[in-house]
PDB file of N, CA and C in Angstrom:
ATOM      1  N   UNK A   1     -39.077  -3.285-235.656  1.00  0.00           N
ATOM      2  CA  UNK A   1     -39.018  -3.841-236.858  1.00  0.00           C
ATOM      3  C   UNK A   1     -40.551  -3.640-237.545  1.00  0.00           C
ATOM      4  N   UNK A   2     -41.576  -4.151-236.883  1.00  0.00           N
ATOM      5  CA  UNK A   2     -42.957  -3.784-237.280  1.00  0.00           C
ATOM      6  C   UNK A   2     -43.232  -2.390-237.554  1.00  0.00           C
ATOM      7  N   UNK A   3     -42.924  -1.584-236.559  1.00  0.00           N
ATOM      8  CA  UNK A   3     -43.266  -0.167-236.646  1.00  0.00           C
ATOM      9  C   UNK A   3     -42.376   0.605-237.981  1.00  0.00           C
ATOM     10  N   UNK A   4     -41.307   0.010-238.391  1.00  0.00           N
ATOM     11  CA  UNK A   4     -40.611   0.425-239.523  1.00  0.00           C
ATOM     12  C   UNK A   4     -41.299  -0.162-240.932  1.00  0.00           C
ATOM     13  N   UNK A   5     -41.733  -1.061-240.968  1.00  0.00           N
ATOM     14  CA  UNK A   5     -42.499  -1.587-242.063  1.00  0.00           C
ATOM     15  C   UNK A   5     -43.861  -0.819-242.346  1.00  0.00           C
ATOM     16  N   UNK A   6     -44.532  -0.555-241.086  1.00  0.00           N
ATOM     17  CA  UNK A   6     -45.682   0.214-241.214  1.00  0.00           C
ATOM     18  C   UNK A   6     -45.275   1.854-241.674  1.00  0.00           C
ATOM     19  N   UNK A   7     -44.313   2.321-241.258  1.00  0.00           N
ATOM     20  CA  UNK A   7     -43.945   3.615-241.956  1.00  0.00           C
ATOM     21  C   UNK A   7     -43.630   3.753-243.182  1.00  0.00           C
ATOM     22  N   UNK A   8     -42.818   2.580-243.624  1.00  0.00           N
ATOM     23  CA  UNK A   8     -42.241   2.303-245.214  1.00  0.00           C
ATOM     24  C   UNK A   8     -43.636   2.316-246.098  1.00  0.00           C
ATOM     25  N   UNK A   9     -44.769   1.687-245.494  1.00  0.00           N
ATOM     26  CA  UNK A   9     -45.860   1.301-246.380  1.00  0.00           C
ATOM     27  C   UNK A   9     -46.601   2.699-246.403  1.00  0.00           C
ATOM     28  N   UNK A  10     -46.550   3.650-245.205  1.00  0.00           N
ATOM     29  CA  UNK A  10     -47.290   4.997-245.302  1.00  0.00           C
ATOM     30  C   UNK A  10     -46.608   5.849-246.265  1.00  0.00           C
ATOM     31  N   UNK A  11     -45.322   5.755-246.192  1.00  0.00           N
ATOM     32  CA  UNK A  11     -44.577   6.698-247.154  1.00  0.00           C
ATOM     33  C   UNK A  11     -44.800   6.386-248.576  1.00  0.00           C
ATOM     34  N   UNK A  12     -44.727   5.148-249.038  1.00  0.00           N
ATOM     35  CA  UNK A  12     -44.948   4.484-250.414  1.00  0.00           C
ATOM     36  C   UNK A  12     -46.396   4.983-250.794  1.00  0.00           C
ATOM     37  N   UNK A  13     -47.313   4.870-249.807  1.00  0.00           N
ATOM     38  CA  UNK A  13     -48.817   5.198-250.307  1.00  0.00           C
ATOM     39  C   UNK A  13     -48.808   6.613-250.623  1.00  0.00           C
ATOM     40  N   UNK A  14     -48.287   7.399-249.641  1.00  0.00           N
ATOM     41  CA  UNK A  14     -48.406   8.817-249.919  1.00  0.00           C
ATOM     42  C   UNK A  14     -47.533   9.243-251.105  1.00  0.00           C
ATOM     43  N   UNK A  15     -46.574   8.561-251.463  1.00  0.00           N
ATOM     44  CA  UNK A  15     -45.725   8.936-252.619  1.00  0.00           C
ATOM     45  C   UNK A  15     -46.521   8.575-253.943  1.00  0.00           C
ATOM     46  N   UNK A  16     -47.024   7.469-253.862  1.00  0.00           N
ATOM     47  CA  UNK A  16     -48.166   7.045-255.108  1.00  0.00           C
ATOM     48  C   UNK A  16     -49.387   7.923-255.238  1.00  0.00           C
ATOM     49  N   UNK A  17     -49.963   8.463-254.010  1.00  0.00           N
ATOM     50  CA  UNK A  17     -51.024   9.347-254.122  1.00  0.00           C
ATOM     51  C   UNK A  17     -50.573  10.902-254.741  1.00  0.00           C
ATOM     52  N   UNK A  18     -49.532  11.105-254.375  1.00  0.00           N
ATOM     53  CA  UNK A  18     -48.899  12.467-254.892  1.00  0.00           C
ATOM     54  C   UNK A  18     -48.695  12.249-256.472  1.00  0.00           C
ATOM     55  N   UNK A  19     -47.862  11.250-256.815  1.00  0.00           N
ATOM     56  CA  UNK A  19     -47.626  11.058-258.219  1.00  0.00           C
ATOM     57  C   UNK A  19     -48.868  11.023-258.997  1.00  0.00           C
ATOM     58  N   UNK A  20     -50.030  10.159-258.438  1.00  0.00           N
ATOM     59  CA  UNK A  20     -51.265  10.178-259.290  1.00  0.00           C
ATOM     60  C   UNK A  20     -52.068  11.599-259.355  1.00  0.00           C
ATOM     61  N   UNK A  21     -51.782  12.278-258.444  1.00  0.00           N
ATOM     62  CA  UNK A  21     -52.605  13.683-258.276  1.00  0.00           C
ATOM     63  C   UNK A  21     -51.754  14.507-259.282  1.00  0.00           C
ATOM     64  N   UNK A  22     -50.509  14.459-259.281  1.00  0.00           N
ATOM     65  CA  UNK A  22     -49.525  15.257-260.195  1.00  0.00           C
ATOM     66  C   UNK A  22     -49.694  15.055-261.737  1.00  0.00           C
ATOM     67  N   UNK A  23     -50.082  13.584-261.979  1.00  0.00           N
ATOM     68  CA  UNK A  23     -50.140  13.423-263.229  1.00  0.00           C
ATOM     69  C   UNK A  23     -51.624  13.603-263.930  1.00  0.00           C
ATOM     70  N   UNK A  24     -52.514  14.289-263.204  1.00  0.00           N
ATOM     71  CA  UNK A  24     -53.839  14.447-263.487  1.00  0.00           C
ATOM     72  C   UNK A  24     -54.714  13.299-263.635  1.00  0.00           C
ATOM     73  N   UNK A  25     -54.433  12.334-262.609  1.00  0.00           N
ATOM     74  CA  UNK A  25     -55.116  11.109-262.750  1.00  0.00           C
ATOM     75  C   UNK A  25     -55.532  10.814-261.191  1.00  0.00           C
ATOM     76  N   UNK A  26     -56.765  10.449-261.103  1.00  0.00           N
ATOM     77  CA  UNK A  26     -57.169  10.215-259.697  1.00  0.00           C
ATOM     78  C   UNK A  26     -57.357   8.552-259.807  1.00  0.00           C
ATOM     79  N   UNK A  27     -56.873   7.775-258.899  1.00  0.00           N
ATOM     80  CA  UNK A  27     -56.995   6.327-258.534  1.00  0.00           C
ATOM     81  C   UNK A  27     -57.575   6.121-257.399  1.00  0.00           C
ATOM     82  N   UNK A  28     -58.752   5.292-257.355  1.00  0.00           N
ATOM     83  CA  UNK A  28     -59.449   4.990-256.315  1.00  0.00           C
ATOM     84  C   UNK A  28     -59.358   3.237-256.179  1.00  0.00           C
ATOM     85  N   UNK A  29     -58.973   2.704-254.899  1.00  0.00           N
ATOM     86  CA  UNK A  29     -58.983   1.329-254.905  1.00  0.00           C
ATOM     87  C   UNK A  29     -60.261   0.914-254.298  1.00  0.00           C
ATOM     88  N   UNK A  30     -60.896  -0.292-254.875  1.00  0.00           N
ATOM     89  CA  UNK A  30     -62.116  -0.823-254.612  1.00  0.00           C
ATOM     90  C   UNK A  30     -61.909  -1.821-253.814  1.00  0.00           C
ATOM     91  N   UNK A  31     -62.324  -1.882-252.586  1.00  0.00           N
ATOM     92  CA  UNK A  31     -62.172  -3.051-251.759  1.00  0.00           C
ATOM     93  C   UNK A  31     -62.613  -4.190-252.107  1.00  0.00           C
ATOM     94  N   UNK A  32     -63.777  -4.088-252.717  1.00  0.00           N
ATOM     95  CA  UNK A  32     -64.652  -5.352-253.021  1.00  0.00           C
ATOM     96  C   UNK A  32     -64.164  -6.149-254.270  1.00  0.00           C
ATOM     97  N   UNK A  33     -63.049  -5.321-254.960  1.00  0.00           N
ATOM     98  CA  UNK A  33     -62.787  -5.900-256.368  1.00  0.00           C
ATOM     99  C   UNK A  33     -61.250  -5.690-256.319  1.00  0.00           C
ATOM    100  N   UNK A  34     -60.398  -6.459-257.080  1.00  0.00           N
ATOM    101  CA  UNK A  34     -58.987  -6.251-257.334  1.00  0.00           C
ATOM    102  C   UNK A  34     -58.735  -5.053-258.308  1.00  0.00           C
ATOM    103  N   UNK A  35     -59.796  -4.475-258.961  1.00  0.00           N
ATOM    104  CA  UNK A  35     -59.618  -3.490-260.132  1.00  0.00           C
ATOM    105  C   UNK A  35     -59.517  -1.981-259.349  1.00  0.00           C
ATOM    106  N   UNK A  36     -59.049  -0.889-260.145  1.00  0.00           N
ATOM    107  CA  UNK A  36     -59.048   0.209-259.775  1.00  0.00           C
ATOM    108  C   UNK A  36     -59.929   1.180-260.589  1.00  0.00           C
ATOM    109  N   UNK A  37     -60.351   2.136-259.989  1.00  0.00           N
ATOM    110  CA  UNK A  37     -61.186   3.021-260.753  1.00  0.00           C
ATOM    111  C   UNK A  37     -60.004   4.200-261.154  1.00  0.00           C
ATOM    112  N   UNK A  38     -60.092   4.619-262.445  1.00  0.00           N
ATOM    113  CA  UNK A  38     -59.001   5.506-263.018  1.00  0.00           C
ATOM    114  C   UNK A  38     -59.987   6.875-263.580  1.00  0.00           C
ATOM    115  N   UNK A  39     -59.539   7.924-263.167  1.00  0.00           N
ATOM    116  CA  UNK A  39     -59.987   9.262-263.812  1.00  0.00           C
ATOM    117  C   UNK A  39     -58.829   9.812-264.338  1.00  0.00           C
ATOM    118  N   UNK A  40     -59.023  10.302-265.622  1.00  0.00           N
ATOM    119  CA  UNK A  40     -57.920  11.019-266.163  1.00  0.00           C
ATOM    120  C   UNK A  40     -58.533  12.495-266.633  1.00  0.00           C
ATOM    121  N   UNK A  41     -57.762  13.430-266.562  1.00  0.00           N
ATOM    122  CA  UNK A  41     -58.349  14.716-267.142  1.00  0.00           C
ATOM    123  C   UNK A  41     -58.238  14.899-268.754  1.00  0.00           C
ATOM    124  N   UNK A  42     -57.158  14.332-269.110  1.00  0.00           N
ATOM    125  CA  UNK A  42     -56.778  14.322-270.433  1.00  0.00           C
ATOM    126  C   UNK A  42     -57.505  13.380-271.508  1.00  0.00           C
ATOM    127  N   UNK A  43     -58.259  13.839-272.489  1.00  0.00           N
ATOM    128  CA  UNK A  43     -58.770  13.007-273.203  1.00  0.00           C
ATOM    129  C   UNK A  43     -58.007  11.862-273.779  1.00  0.00           C
ATOM    130  N   UNK A  44     -58.576  10.699-274.092  1.00  0.00           N
ATOM    131  CA  UNK A  44     -57.671   9.594-274.770  1.00  0.00           C
ATOM    132  C   UNK A  44     -57.612   9.837-276.166  1.00  0.00           C
ATOM    133  N   UNK A  45     -56.676   9.431-276.849  1.00  0.00           N
ATOM    134  CA  UNK A  45     -56.530   9.576-278.348  1.00  0.00           C
ATOM    135  C   UNK A  45     -57.710   8.656-278.969  1.00  0.00           C
ATOM    136  N   UNK A  46     -57.831   8.927-280.211  1.00  0.00           N
ATOM    137  CA  UNK A  46     -58.706   8.127-281.038  1.00  0.00           C
ATOM    138  C   UNK A  46     -58.116   6.654-281.010  1.00  0.00           C
ATOM    139  N   UNK A  47     -59.326   5.757-281.189  1.00  0.00           N
ATOM    140  CA  UNK A  47     -58.748   4.362-281.215  1.00  0.00           C
ATOM    141  C   UNK A  47     -57.969   4.174-282.295  1.00  0.00           C
ATOM    142  N   UNK A  48     -56.977   3.100-282.380  1.00  0.00           N
ATOM    143  CA  UNK A  48     -56.072   2.745-283.390  1.00  0.00           C
ATOM    144  C   UNK A  48     -56.788   1.743-284.291  1.00  0.00           C
ATOM    145  N   UNK A  49     -56.633   1.733-285.521  1.00  0.00           N
ATOM    146  CA  UNK A  49     -57.333   0.695-286.468  1.00  0.00           C
ATOM    147  C   UNK A  49     -56.392  -0.520-286.245  1.00  0.00           C
ATOM    148  N   UNK A  50     -57.197  -1.716-286.110  1.00  0.00           N
ATOM    149  CA  UNK A  50     -56.362  -3.126-285.883  1.00  0.00           C
ATOM    150  C   UNK A  50     -57.005  -3.996-287.014  1.00  0.00           C
ATOM    151  N   UNK A  51     -56.158  -4.680-287.314  1.00  0.00           N
ATOM    152  CA  UNK A  51     -56.632  -5.652-288.381  1.00  0.00           C
ATOM    153  C   UNK A  51     -56.929  -6.936-287.486  1.00  0.00           C
ATOM    154  N   UNK A  52     -58.079  -7.445-287.628  1.00  0.00           N
ATOM    155  CA  UNK A  52     -58.844  -8.571-286.723  1.00  0.00           C
ATOM    156  C   UNK A  52     -58.417  -9.899-287.558  1.00  0.00           C
ATOM    157  N   UNK A  53     -57.570 -10.738-286.939  1.00  0.00           N
ATOM    158  CA  UNK A  53     -57.362 -12.063-287.834  1.00  0.00           C
ATOM    159  C   UNK A  53     -58.506 -12.651-288.331  1.00  0.00           C
ATOM    160  N   UNK A  54     -58.491 -13.247-289.498  1.00  0.00           N
ATOM    161  CA  UNK A  54     -59.801 -13.546-290.195  1.00  0.00           C
ATOM    162  C   UNK A  54     -60.532 -14.798-289.448  1.00  0.00           C
ATOM    163  N   UNK A  55     -59.839 -15.686-288.749  1.00  0.00           N
ATOM    164  CA  UNK A  55     -60.435 -16.890-288.305  1.00  0.00           C
ATOM    165  C   UNK A  55     -60.199 -17.104-286.712  1.00  0.00           C
ATOM    166  N   UNK A  56     -61.295 -17.069-285.765  1.00  0.00           N
ATOM    167  CA  UNK A  56     -61.000 -17.319-284.555  1.00  0.00           C
ATOM    168  C   UNK A  56     -60.452 -18.811-284.192  1.00  0.00           C
ATOM    169  N   UNK A  57     -59.608 -18.957-283.198  1.00  0.00           N
ATOM    170  CA  UNK A  57     -59.034 -20.221-282.847  1.00  0.00           C
ATOM    171  C   UNK A  57     -60.077 -21.179-282.495  1.00  0.00           C
ATOM    172  N   UNK A  58     -61.232 -20.931-282.385  1.00  0.00           N
ATOM    173  CA  UNK A  58     -62.392 -21.974-281.753  1.00  0.00           C
ATOM    174  C   UNK A  58     -63.585 -21.442-282.075  1.00  0.00           C
ATOM    175  N   UNK A  59     -64.704 -22.162-281.922  1.00  0.00           N
ATOM    176  CA  UNK A  59     -66.132 -21.652-282.114  1.00  0.00           C
ATOM    177  C   UNK A  59     -66.610 -20.616-280.909  1.00  0.00           C
ATOM    178  N   UNK A  60     -66.084 -20.760-279.799  1.00  0.00           N
ATOM    179  CA  UNK A  60     -66.346 -19.809-278.644  1.00  0.00           C
ATOM    180  C   UNK A  60     -65.509 -18.642-278.340  1.00  0.00           C
ATOM    181  N   UNK A  61     -64.680 -18.483-279.477  1.00  0.00           N
ATOM    182  CA  UNK A  61     -63.710 -17.316-279.057  1.00  0.00           C
ATOM    183  C   UNK A  61     -64.032 -16.022-279.641  1.00  0.00           C
ATOM    184  N   UNK A  62     -63.728 -14.946-278.730  1.00  0.00           N
ATOM    185  CA  UNK A  62     -64.482 -13.516-279.161  1.00  0.00           C
ATOM    186  C   UNK A  62     -63.244 -12.672-279.340  1.00  0.00           C
ATOM    187  N   UNK A  63     -63.401 -11.734-280.303  1.00  0.00           N
ATOM    188  CA  UNK A  63     -62.224 -10.720-280.510  1.00  0.00           C
ATOM    189  C   UNK A  63     -62.526  -9.716-279.349  1.00  0.00           C
ATOM    190  N   UNK A  64     -61.455  -9.314-278.532  1.00  0.00           N
ATOM    191  CA  UNK A  64     -61.508  -8.290-277.547  1.00  0.00           C
ATOM    192  C   UNK A  64     -60.658  -7.244-278.149  1.00  0.00           C
ATOM    193  N   UNK A  65     -61.395  -6.139-278.545  1.00  0.00           N
ATOM    194  CA  UNK A  65     -60.548  -5.197-279.554  1.00  0.00           C
ATOM    195  C   UNK A  65     -59.631  -4.395-278.658  1.00  0.00           C
ATOM    196  N   UNK A  66     -58.736  -3.756-279.210  1.00  0.00           N
ATOM    197  CA  UNK A  66     -57.635  -2.957-278.602  1.00  0.00           C
ATOM    198  C   UNK A  66     -58.336  -1.681-277.965  1.00  0.00           C
ATOM    199  N   UNK A  67     -57.604  -1.138-277.123  1.00  0.00           N
ATOM    200  CA  UNK A  67     -58.189   0.057-276.286  1.00  0.00           C
ATOM    201  C   UNK A  67     -56.844   0.816-275.636  1.00  0.00           C
ATOM    202  N   UNK A  68     -57.079   1.994-275.303  1.00  0.00           N
ATOM    203  CA  UNK A  68     -56.307   3.003-274.662  1.00  0.00           C
ATOM    204  C   UNK A  68     -56.371   2.644-273.076  1.00  0.00           C
ATOM    205  N   UNK A  69     -55.180   2.504-272.575  1.00  0.00           N
ATOM    206  CA  UNK A  69     -55.114   2.471-270.999  1.00  0.00           C
ATOM    207  C   UNK A  69     -54.218   3.560-270.561  1.00  0.00           C
ATOM    208  N   UNK A  70     -54.255   3.911-269.312  1.00  0.00           N
ATOM    209  CA  UNK A  70     -53.480   4.961-268.568  1.00  0.00           C
ATOM    210  C   UNK A  70     -52.515   4.214-267.648  1.00  0.00           C
ATOM    211  N   UNK A  71     -51.136   4.710-267.603  1.00  0.00           N
ATOM    212  CA  UNK A  71     -50.279   4.205-266.953  1.00  0.00           C
ATOM    213  C   UNK A  71     -49.848   4.905-265.629  1.00  0.00           C
ATOM    214  N   UNK A  72     -50.402   5.984-265.450  1.00  0.00           N
ATOM    215  CA  UNK A  72     -49.960   7.055-264.411  1.00  0.00           C
ATOM    216  C   UNK A  72     -49.511   8.283-264.974  1.00  0.00           C
ATOM    217  N   UNK A  73     -48.937   8.307-266.168  1.00  0.00           N
ATOM    218  CA  UNK A  73     -48.378   9.464-266.657  1.00  0.00           C
ATOM    219  C   UNK A  73     -48.804   9.662-268.232  1.00  0.00           C
ATOM    220  N   UNK A  74     -49.169   8.758-268.885  1.00  0.00           N
ATOM    221  CA  UNK A  74     -49.619   8.769-270.325  1.00  0.00           C
ATOM    222  C   UNK A  74     -50.593   7.465-270.830  1.00  0.00           C
ATOM    223  N   UNK A  75     -51.169   7.694-271.820  1.00  0.00           N
ATOM    224  CA  UNK A  75     -52.107   6.751-272.411  1.00  0.00           C
ATOM    225  C   UNK A  75     -51.036   5.694-273.105  1.00  0.00           C
ATOM    226  N   UNK A  76     -51.309   4.444-273.223  1.00  0.00           N
ATOM    227  CA  UNK A  76     -50.703   3.510-274.059  1.00  0.00           C
ATOM    228  C   UNK A  76     -51.757   2.451-274.598  1.00  0.00           C
ATOM    229  N   UNK A  77     -51.533   1.861-275.780  1.00  0.00           N
ATOM    230  CA  UNK A  77     -52.378   1.085-276.605  1.00  0.00           C
ATOM    231  C   UNK A  77     -52.278  -0.439-276.103  1.00  0.00           C
ATOM    232  N   UNK A  78     -53.355  -1.054-275.681  1.00  0.00           N
ATOM    233  CA  UNK A  78     -53.304  -2.417-275.441  1.00  0.00           C
ATOM    234  C   UNK A  78     -54.013  -2.906-276.609  1.00  0.00           C
ATOM    235  N   UNK A  79     -53.175  -3.767-277.330  1.00  0.00           N
ATOM    236  CA  UNK A  79     -53.499  -4.570-278.482  1.00  0.00           C
ATOM    237  C   UNK A  79     -54.705  -5.666-278.219  1.00  0.00           C
ATOM    238  N   UNK A  80     -55.640  -5.519-279.329  1.00  0.00           N
ATOM    239  CA  UNK A  80     -56.704  -6.454-279.324  1.00  0.00           C
ATOM    240  C   UNK A  80     -56.274  -8.041-279.490  1.00  0.00           C
ATOM    241  N   UNK A  81     -56.935  -8.874-278.967  1.00  0.00           N
ATOM    242  CA  UNK A  81     -56.716 -10.354-279.029  1.00  0.00           C
ATOM    243  C   UNK A  81     -57.917 -11.313-278.891  1.00  0.00           C
ATOM    244  N   UNK A  82     -57.622 -12.498-279.168  1.00  0.00           N
ATOM    245  CA  UNK A  82     -58.728 -13.520-279.227  1.00  0.00           C
ATOM    246  C   UNK A  82     -58.692 -13.991-277.762  1.00  0.00           C
ATOM    247  N   UNK A  83     -60.262 -14.038-277.270  1.00  0.00           N
ATOM    248  CA  UNK A  83     -60.320 -14.859-275.916  1.00  0.00           C
ATOM    249  C   UNK A  83     -61.565 -15.873-275.863  1.00  0.00           C
ATOM    250  N   UNK A  84     -61.220 -16.899-275.247  1.00  0.00           N
ATOM    251  CA  UNK A  84     -62.346 -17.954-275.194  1.00  0.00           C
ATOM    252  C   UNK A  84     -63.376 -17.320-274.334  1.00  0.00           C
ATOM    253  N   UNK A  85     -64.517 -17.319-274.676  1.00  0.00           N
ATOM    254  CA  UNK A  85     -65.853 -16.989-274.031  1.00  0.00           C
ATOM    255  C   UNK A  85     -65.964 -18.093-272.928  1.00  0.00           C
ATOM    256  N   UNK A  86     -66.142 -17.612-271.625  1.00  0.00           N
ATOM    257  CA  UNK A  86     -66.559 -18.764-270.441  1.00  0.00           C
ATOM    258  C   UNK A  86     -67.779 -19.055-270.668  1.00  0.00           C
ATOM    259  N   UNK A  87     -68.226 -20.463-270.445  1.00  0.00           N
ATOM    260  CA  UNK A  87     -69.323 -20.988-271.019  1.00  0.00           C
ATOM    261  C   UNK A  87     -70.593 -20.314-270.260  1.00  0.00           C
ATOM    262  N   UNK A  88     -70.374 -19.772-269.030  1.00  0.00           N
ATOM    263  CA  UNK A  88     -71.556 -19.078-268.061  1.00  0.00           C
ATOM    264  C   UNK A  88     -71.953 -17.856-268.707  1.00  0.00           C
ATOM    265  N   UNK A  89     -71.206 -17.060-269.749  1.00  0.00           N
ATOM    266  CA  UNK A  89     -71.276 -15.764-270.217  1.00  0.00           C
ATOM    267  C   UNK A  89     -71.793 -15.934-271.774  1.00  0.00           C
ATOM    268  N   UNK A  90     -72.304 -14.849-272.294  1.00  0.00           N
ATOM    269  CA  UNK A  90     -73.091 -14.677-273.646  1.00  0.00           C
ATOM    270  C   UNK A  90     -72.346 -13.586-274.459  1.00  0.00           C
ATOM    271  N   UNK A  91     -71.754 -12.528-273.769  1.00  0.00           N
ATOM    272  CA  UNK A  91     -71.167 -11.449-274.477  1.00  0.00           C
ATOM    273  C   UNK A  91     -69.886 -10.862-273.759  1.00  0.00           C
ATOM    274  N   UNK A  92     -69.129 -10.124-274.693  1.00  0.00           N
ATOM    275  CA  UNK A  92     -67.878  -9.331-274.087  1.00  0.00           C
ATOM    276  C   UNK A  92     -68.469  -7.989-274.279  1.00  0.00           C
ATOM    277  N   UNK A  93     -68.051  -7.205-273.151  1.00  0.00           N
ATOM    278  CA  UNK A  93     -68.305  -5.872-273.247  1.00  0.00           C
ATOM    279  C   UNK A  93     -66.957  -5.121-273.024  1.00  0.00           C
ATOM    280  N   UNK A  94     -66.672  -4.318-274.477  1.00  0.00           N
ATOM    281  CA  UNK A  94     -65.401  -4.001-274.538  1.00  0.00           C
ATOM    282  C   UNK A  94     -65.006  -3.022-273.521  1.00  0.00           C
ATOM    283  N   UNK A  95     -63.643  -2.738-272.785  1.00  0.00           N
ATOM    284  CA  UNK A  95     -63.247  -1.616-272.025  1.00  0.00           C
ATOM    285  C   UNK A  95     -63.492  -0.343-272.751  1.00  0.00           C
ATOM    286  N   UNK A  96     -63.667   0.678-272.067  1.00  0.00           N
ATOM    287  CA  UNK A  96     -63.832   2.167-272.753  1.00  0.00           C
ATOM    288  C   UNK A  96     -63.866   3.162-271.812  1.00  0.00           C
ATOM    289  N   UNK A  97     -63.632   4.422-272.365  1.00  0.00           N
ATOM    290  CA  UNK A  97     -63.623   5.478-271.394  1.00  0.00           C
ATOM    291  C   UNK A  97     -64.821   6.403-271.617  1.00  0.00           C
ATOM    292  N   UNK A  98     -65.451   6.765-270.483  1.00  0.00           N
ATOM    293  CA  UNK A  98     -66.631   7.502-270.418  1.00  0.00           C
ATOM    294  C   UNK A  98     -66.176   8.904-269.853  1.00  0.00           C
ATOM    295  N   UNK A  99     -66.953   9.857-270.638  1.00  0.00           N
ATOM    296  CA  UNK A  99     -66.636  11.183-270.095  1.00  0.00           C
ATOM    297  C   UNK A  99     -67.499  11.769-268.993  1.00  0.00           C
ATOM    298  N   UNK A 100     -66.771  12.313-268.022  1.00  0.00           N
ATOM    299  CA  UNK A 100     -67.364  12.543-266.814  1.00  0.00           C
ATOM    300  C   UNK A 100     -67.160  13.981-266.635  1.00  0.00           C
ATOM    301  N   UNK A 101     -67.787  14.680-265.433  1.00  0.00           N
ATOM    302  CA  UNK A 101     -67.684  16.091-265.457  1.00  0.00           C
ATOM    303  C   UNK A 101     -66.127  16.588-265.024  1.00  0.00           C
ATOM    304  N   UNK A 102     -65.483  15.385-264.366  1.00  0.00           N
ATOM    305  CA  UNK A 102     -64.039  16.029-263.948  1.00  0.00           C
ATOM    306  C   UNK A 102     -62.962  15.085-264.774  1.00  0.00           C
ATOM    307  N   UNK A 103     -63.347  14.689-265.930  1.00  0.00           N
ATOM    308  CA  UNK A 103     -62.415  14.113-266.702  1.00  0.00           C
ATOM    309  C   UNK A 103     -63.182  12.762-267.345  1.00  0.00           C
ATOM    310  N   UNK A 104     -62.325  11.789-267.747  1.00  0.00           N
ATOM    311  CA  UNK A 104     -62.533  10.508-268.373  1.00  0.00           C
ATOM    312  C   UNK A 104     -62.273   9.418-267.378  1.00  0.00           C
ATOM    313  N   UNK A 105     -63.248   8.511-267.539  1.00  0.00           N
ATOM    314  CA  UNK A 105     -63.429   7.672-266.544  1.00  0.00           C
ATOM    315  C   UNK A 105     -63.389   6.111-267.231  1.00  0.00           C
ATOM    316  N   UNK A 106     -62.387   5.239-266.945  1.00  0.00           N
ATOM    317  CA  UNK A 106     -62.058   4.007-267.481  1.00  0.00           C
ATOM    318  C   UNK A 106     -63.024   2.955-266.923  1.00  0.00           C
ATOM    319  N   UNK A 107     -63.666   2.199-267.877  1.00  0.00           N
ATOM    320  CA  UNK A 107     -64.457   1.046-267.247  1.00  0.00           C
ATOM    321  C   UNK A 107     -63.781  -0.132-267.968  1.00  0.00           C
ATOM    322  N   UNK A 108     -63.421  -1.166-267.210  1.00  0.00           N
ATOM    323  CA  UNK A 108     -62.768  -2.233-267.576  1.00  0.00           C
ATOM    324  C   UNK A 108     -63.676  -3.169-268.298  1.00  0.00           C
ATOM    325  N   UNK A 109     -63.255  -3.913-269.343  1.00  0.00           N
ATOM    326  CA  UNK A 109     -63.854  -4.723-270.101  1.00  0.00           C
ATOM    327  C   UNK A 109     -64.202  -6.212-269.334  1.00  0.00           C
ATOM    328  N   UNK A 110     -65.532  -6.509-269.573  1.00  0.00           N
ATOM    329  CA  UNK A 110     -65.990  -7.734-268.640  1.00  0.00           C
ATOM    330  C   UNK A 110     -67.108  -8.444-269.590  1.00  0.00           C
ATOM    331  N   UNK A 111     -67.262  -9.785-269.038  1.00  0.00           N
ATOM    332  CA  UNK A 111     -68.153 -10.807-269.642  1.00  0.00           C
ATOM    333  C   UNK A 111     -69.624 -10.491-268.822  1.00  0.00           C
ATOM    334  N   UNK A 112     -70.661 -10.541-269.845  1.00  0.00           N
ATOM    335  CA  UNK A 112     -71.985 -10.655-269.245  1.00  0.00           C
ATOM    336  C   UNK A 112     -72.772 -11.995-269.611  1.00  0.00           C
TER     337      UNK A 112
END
């Protein structure tokens, strides 16, 4: 039973790796964090224009603008939204794509 679970896990991991390579995407797991590093050979589309609601829900709320994400096959738009700033941070760094020699590298948004 335990051997069968291990074999299934190995097969699923191999299938996921082949799918990522076939789609022009390289995904690396980082053991120190739950996030993934995503490289895509295809350039992301230009950002969409979003209308920012005129009033934040409170004094410590920050607009987190929309951005393109990659689902393994294509880009999709993740809409902007208001988020409450945690007290220990002063700024939001928006998620974005950096150009690298082998494609486009996604940098996740984070608080600083």
